[in-house]
Protein backbone atom coordinates (compact mmCIF):
# COMPACT_ATOMS: atom_id res chain seq x y z
CA UNK A 1 105.16 -107.01 54.46
CA UNK A 2 102.69 -104.09 54.42
CA UNK A 3 100.88 -104.15 57.80
CA UNK A 4 97.63 -102.64 56.48
CA UNK A 5 97.43 -105.12 53.58
CA UNK A 6 98.28 -108.01 55.91
CA UNK A 7 95.54 -106.93 58.36
CA UNK A 8 92.94 -106.59 55.57
CA UNK A 9 93.77 -110.03 54.10
CA UNK A 10 93.81 -111.80 57.49
CA UNK A 11 90.58 -110.02 58.56
CA UNK A 12 88.62 -111.25 55.54
CA UNK A 13 90.28 -114.68 55.68
CA UNK A 14 89.36 -114.95 59.38
CA UNK A 15 85.83 -113.68 58.74
CA UNK A 16 85.19 -116.24 55.98
CA UNK A 17 86.74 -119.07 57.98
CA UNK A 18 84.99 -118.09 61.23
CA UNK A 19 81.55 -117.82 59.61
CA UNK A 20 82.08 -121.16 57.86
CA UNK A 21 83.15 -122.82 61.13
CA UNK A 22 80.44 -121.30 63.35
CA UNK A 23 77.58 -121.89 60.92
CA UNK A 24 78.53 -125.16 59.25
CA UNK A 25 81.58 -126.73 60.91
CA UNK A 26 83.62 -125.95 57.80
CA UNK A 27 87.40 -126.25 58.08
CA UNK A 28 89.19 -122.88 58.21
CA UNK A 29 91.86 -124.34 55.93
CA UNK A 30 89.43 -124.16 53.00
CA UNK A 31 89.29 -120.34 53.22
CA UNK A 32 92.47 -119.15 54.98
CA UNK A 33 95.02 -121.21 53.02
CA UNK A 34 94.12 -119.98 49.49
CA UNK A 35 93.86 -116.36 50.70
CA UNK A 36 97.29 -116.39 52.37
CA UNK A 37 98.84 -118.09 49.34
CA UNK A 38 97.14 -115.80 46.77
CA UNK A 39 97.40 -112.40 48.49
CA UNK A 40 100.41 -112.70 50.83
CA UNK A 41 102.52 -115.06 48.70
CA UNK A 42 102.88 -117.49 51.59
CA UNK A 43 104.30 -121.00 51.29
CA UNK A 44 101.38 -123.43 50.94
CA UNK A 45 102.53 -125.80 53.72
CA UNK A 46 102.85 -122.92 56.20
CA UNK A 47 99.50 -121.44 55.09
CA UNK A 48 97.76 -124.74 55.86
CA UNK A 49 99.50 -124.86 59.28
CA UNK A 50 98.25 -121.34 60.12
CA UNK A 51 94.74 -122.25 58.89
CA UNK A 52 94.62 -125.43 60.98
CA UNK A 53 95.81 -123.63 64.12
CA UNK A 54 93.17 -120.92 63.52
CA UNK A 55 90.65 -123.77 63.31
CA UNK A 56 91.50 -125.06 66.80
CA UNK A 57 90.21 -122.10 68.86
CA UNK A 58 87.41 -121.29 66.38
CA UNK A 59 86.13 -124.89 66.54
CA UNK A 60 86.58 -125.02 70.32
CA UNK A 61 84.58 -121.82 70.97
CA UNK A 62 81.91 -122.98 68.50
CA UNK A 63 81.70 -126.40 70.19
CA UNK A 64 81.42 -124.67 73.60
CA UNK A 65 78.58 -122.46 72.30
CA UNK A 66 76.70 -125.39 70.73
CA UNK A 67 77.31 -127.53 73.84
CA UNK A 68 75.99 -124.78 76.14
CA UNK A 69 72.79 -124.81 74.07
CA UNK A 70 72.58 -128.63 74.29
CA UNK A 71 73.36 -129.04 70.59
CA UNK A 72 76.33 -131.40 70.92
CA UNK A 73 76.50 -135.22 70.93
CA UNK A 74 79.75 -135.75 72.87
CA UNK A 75 79.44 -139.53 73.34
CA UNK A 76 79.06 -140.38 69.66
CA UNK A 77 81.35 -137.48 68.73
CA UNK A 78 84.21 -139.12 70.66
CA UNK A 79 83.56 -142.49 68.95
CA UNK A 80 83.57 -140.81 65.54
CA UNK A 81 86.68 -138.77 66.35
CA UNK A 82 88.67 -141.91 67.21
CA UNK A 83 87.85 -143.59 63.90
CA UNK A 84 88.33 -140.33 61.93
CA UNK A 85 91.86 -139.86 63.33
CA UNK A 86 92.82 -143.51 62.76
CA UNK A 87 91.52 -143.74 59.21
CA UNK A 88 92.89 -140.34 58.14
CA UNK A 89 96.32 -141.95 58.56
CA UNK A 90 95.18 -145.01 56.55
CA UNK A 91 93.75 -142.77 53.81
CA UNK A 92 96.98 -140.75 53.62
CA UNK A 93 99.02 -143.94 53.28
CA UNK A 94 96.79 -145.32 50.49
CA UNK A 95 96.94 -141.95 48.69
CA UNK A 96 100.74 -142.14 48.71
CA UNK A 97 100.58 -145.47 46.83
CA UNK A 98 98.33 -144.37 43.96
CA UNK A 99 99.23 -141.99 41.10
CA UNK A 100 98.77 -138.33 42.13
CA UNK A 101 95.50 -136.69 41.12
CA UNK A 102 94.34 -133.11 41.50
CA UNK A 103 91.80 -133.55 44.28
CA UNK A 104 92.27 -130.10 45.85
CA UNK A 105 89.15 -128.64 44.26
CA UNK A 106 86.95 -131.50 45.46
CA UNK A 107 86.27 -130.20 48.99
CA UNK A 108 85.60 -126.65 47.74
CA UNK A 109 83.16 -127.84 45.08
CA UNK A 110 81.49 -130.04 47.71
CA UNK A 111 81.15 -126.98 49.97
CA UNK A 112 79.33 -125.16 47.14
CA UNK A 113 77.00 -128.13 46.44
CA UNK A 114 76.26 -128.65 50.14
CA UNK A 115 75.32 -124.96 50.41
CA UNK A 116 72.81 -125.35 47.56
CA UNK A 117 71.41 -128.48 49.26
CA UNK A 118 70.73 -126.58 52.50
CA UNK A 119 68.91 -123.81 50.60
CA UNK A 120 66.86 -126.12 48.32
CA UNK A 121 66.27 -129.04 50.72
CA UNK A 122 66.66 -127.91 54.36
CA UNK A 123 67.54 -130.38 57.13
CA UNK A 124 64.38 -130.40 59.27
CA UNK A 125 65.13 -133.44 61.46
CA UNK A 126 64.10 -132.85 65.09
CA UNK A 127 65.88 -133.88 68.30
CA UNK A 128 62.87 -136.07 69.10
CA UNK A 129 63.42 -138.03 65.86
CA UNK A 130 67.14 -138.31 66.69
CA UNK A 131 66.28 -139.71 70.12
CA UNK A 132 64.30 -142.58 68.56
CA UNK A 133 67.53 -144.23 67.32
CA UNK A 134 68.88 -146.80 69.81
CA UNK A 135 72.13 -145.76 71.55
CA UNK A 136 73.98 -148.91 70.41
CA UNK A 137 72.91 -148.43 66.78
CA UNK A 138 73.96 -144.75 66.90
CA UNK A 139 77.39 -145.73 68.31
CA UNK A 140 77.96 -148.27 65.50
CA UNK A 141 76.81 -145.69 62.90
CA UNK A 142 79.23 -143.13 64.38
CA UNK A 143 82.12 -145.59 64.20
CA UNK A 144 81.41 -146.49 60.54
CA UNK A 145 80.85 -142.82 59.61
CA UNK A 146 84.20 -141.91 61.21
CA UNK A 147 85.96 -144.60 59.17
CA UNK A 148 84.43 -143.22 55.94
CA UNK A 149 85.17 -139.57 56.78
CA UNK A 150 88.73 -140.27 57.96
CA UNK A 151 89.64 -142.39 54.94
CA UNK A 152 88.23 -139.90 52.40
CA UNK A 153 89.86 -136.91 54.14
CA UNK A 154 93.21 -138.68 54.38
CA UNK A 155 93.00 -139.78 50.75
CA UNK A 156 92.10 -136.40 49.22
CA UNK A 157 93.82 -134.32 51.92
CA UNK A 158 90.87 -132.05 52.71
CA UNK A 159 87.15 -131.70 53.28
CA UNK A 160 86.81 -133.00 56.86
CA UNK A 161 84.28 -130.48 58.13
CA UNK A 162 82.05 -130.67 55.08
CA UNK A 163 82.27 -134.45 54.90
CA UNK A 164 81.22 -134.70 58.56
CA UNK A 165 78.30 -132.31 58.10
CA UNK A 166 77.11 -134.17 54.98
CA UNK A 167 77.25 -137.59 56.67
CA UNK A 168 75.79 -136.41 60.00
CA UNK A 169 72.79 -134.74 58.34
CA UNK A 170 72.16 -136.99 55.31
CA UNK A 171 73.29 -140.45 56.49
CA UNK A 172 72.92 -140.37 60.30
CA UNK A 173 69.95 -137.94 60.13
CA UNK A 174 71.17 -135.56 62.82
CA UNK A 175 69.28 -132.35 63.53
CA UNK A 176 71.31 -129.50 61.91
CA UNK A 177 72.46 -127.70 65.08
CA UNK A 178 73.55 -130.97 66.73
CA UNK A 179 75.33 -131.99 63.51
CA UNK A 180 77.33 -128.74 63.39
CA UNK A 181 78.03 -128.82 67.16
CA UNK A 182 79.32 -132.40 66.96
CA UNK A 183 81.34 -131.61 63.82
CA UNK A 184 83.17 -128.61 65.37
CA UNK A 185 83.81 -130.60 68.57
CA UNK A 186 85.62 -133.28 66.53
CA UNK A 187 87.37 -130.67 64.37
CA UNK A 188 88.92 -128.89 67.37
CA UNK A 189 90.93 -132.06 68.05
CA UNK A 190 91.69 -133.04 64.44
CA UNK A 191 92.80 -129.47 63.61
CA UNK A 192 95.05 -129.39 66.70
CA UNK A 193 96.70 -132.66 65.61
CA UNK A 194 97.20 -131.30 62.08
CA UNK A 195 98.53 -127.92 63.24
CA UNK A 196 101.08 -129.45 65.64
CA UNK A 197 102.40 -131.80 62.94
CA UNK A 198 102.62 -128.95 60.39
CA UNK A 199 104.62 -126.72 62.76
CA UNK A 200 106.78 -129.62 63.94
CA UNK A 201 107.76 -130.36 60.33
CA UNK A 202 107.72 -126.87 58.78
CA UNK A 203 108.86 -124.71 61.72
CA UNK A 204 107.13 -121.74 63.36
CA UNK A 205 104.85 -119.59 61.17
CA UNK A 206 104.94 -115.85 60.44
CA UNK A 207 103.83 -114.67 63.92
CA UNK A 208 101.83 -111.50 63.03
CA UNK A 209 99.88 -113.32 60.28
CA UNK A 210 99.33 -116.32 62.56
CA UNK A 211 98.06 -114.23 65.51
CA UNK A 212 95.75 -112.09 63.34
CA UNK A 213 94.26 -115.16 61.62
CA UNK A 214 93.65 -116.93 64.95
CA UNK A 215 92.03 -113.84 66.54
CA UNK A 216 89.79 -112.90 63.58
CA UNK A 217 88.68 -116.51 62.99
CA UNK A 218 87.90 -116.92 66.71
CA UNK A 219 85.78 -113.73 66.85
CA UNK A 220 83.73 -114.51 63.73
CA UNK A 221 83.24 -118.17 64.70
CA UNK A 222 81.85 -117.05 68.07
CA UNK A 223 79.47 -114.55 66.40
CA UNK A 224 78.26 -117.17 63.89
CA UNK A 225 77.80 -119.89 66.55
CA UNK A 226 75.76 -117.58 68.82
CA UNK A 227 73.49 -116.59 65.90
CA UNK A 228 73.17 -120.21 64.69
CA UNK A 229 72.05 -121.46 68.11
CA UNK A 230 69.34 -118.79 68.40
CA UNK A 231 68.02 -119.16 64.83
CA UNK A 232 64.96 -121.14 63.75
CA UNK A 233 65.83 -124.35 61.81
CA UNK A 234 64.61 -123.01 58.45
CA UNK A 235 66.48 -119.70 58.90
CA UNK A 236 69.63 -121.56 59.95
CA UNK A 237 69.45 -123.86 56.91
CA UNK A 238 69.20 -120.87 54.58
CA UNK A 239 71.94 -118.89 56.36
CA UNK A 240 74.25 -121.94 56.36
CA UNK A 241 73.49 -122.56 52.68
CA UNK A 242 74.24 -118.96 51.68
CA UNK A 243 77.52 -118.92 53.67
CA UNK A 244 78.67 -122.19 52.06
CA UNK A 245 77.71 -121.16 48.51
CA UNK A 246 79.46 -117.77 48.84
CA UNK A 247 82.59 -119.30 50.41
CA UNK A 248 82.64 -122.06 47.78
CA UNK A 249 82.49 -119.54 44.91
CA UNK A 250 85.10 -117.23 46.51
CA UNK A 251 87.58 -120.03 47.22
CA UNK A 252 87.14 -121.50 43.71
CA UNK A 253 87.96 -117.98 42.46
CA UNK A 254 91.15 -117.91 44.55
CA UNK A 255 92.17 -121.31 43.22
CA UNK A 256 91.66 -120.06 39.66
CA UNK A 257 93.78 -116.94 40.40
CA UNK A 258 96.54 -119.09 41.91
CA UNK A 259 96.65 -121.34 38.83
CA UNK A 260 96.58 -118.35 36.46
CA UNK A 261 99.45 -116.61 38.30
């Protein structure tokens, strides 16, 4: 494999994935997988494994940055994470019983639509408004939201980060920074679980590609998370929206190229 080409592909894959993770809690798998498959001819199962493992450190450093700036709801995040993990398994099992459908483009299209939503109708909920919800009610909401997110992600096989962001901001009415911080906190664990199972089943990945993807995604996620935590809510909404729209269009383009090839 040409080292220069491999570095260029992994750099842009890591940049897209890192910006998506740091700004919006988007799963790196949505960006890295199609790029590795399209431009490096990698096996799709291995590409997803590399993407998920890149997600682990990127989500962890983003969660640390959001947490340091007090934009992370750990208590309800843990409740949600438990139900997400449990119902992802349930969703996967149900999906195996129904006739196969092409749901791969769903999460990418949702990324694009969510980006437009942030630009047109920004999330302007404040932490004060969030604090008005009783702790018990918030815990129950988190549990139910986790069940919904886990089942849908298990059933369609993708979209965890975007589904969490959509439900946290639109259904649970989280302030945007806290929503992203909580989303990446949960994703660090779910991505780790997914990456371990992928490598356990599919074997070790292509080491140079793996290392480059992990490093580039980590760096760009850190940059995006630092910027996001310093930005004003309106600016952050617009920046998040633009990142999601651009990534949505680019990834849909990669999917089209893959089908045409």
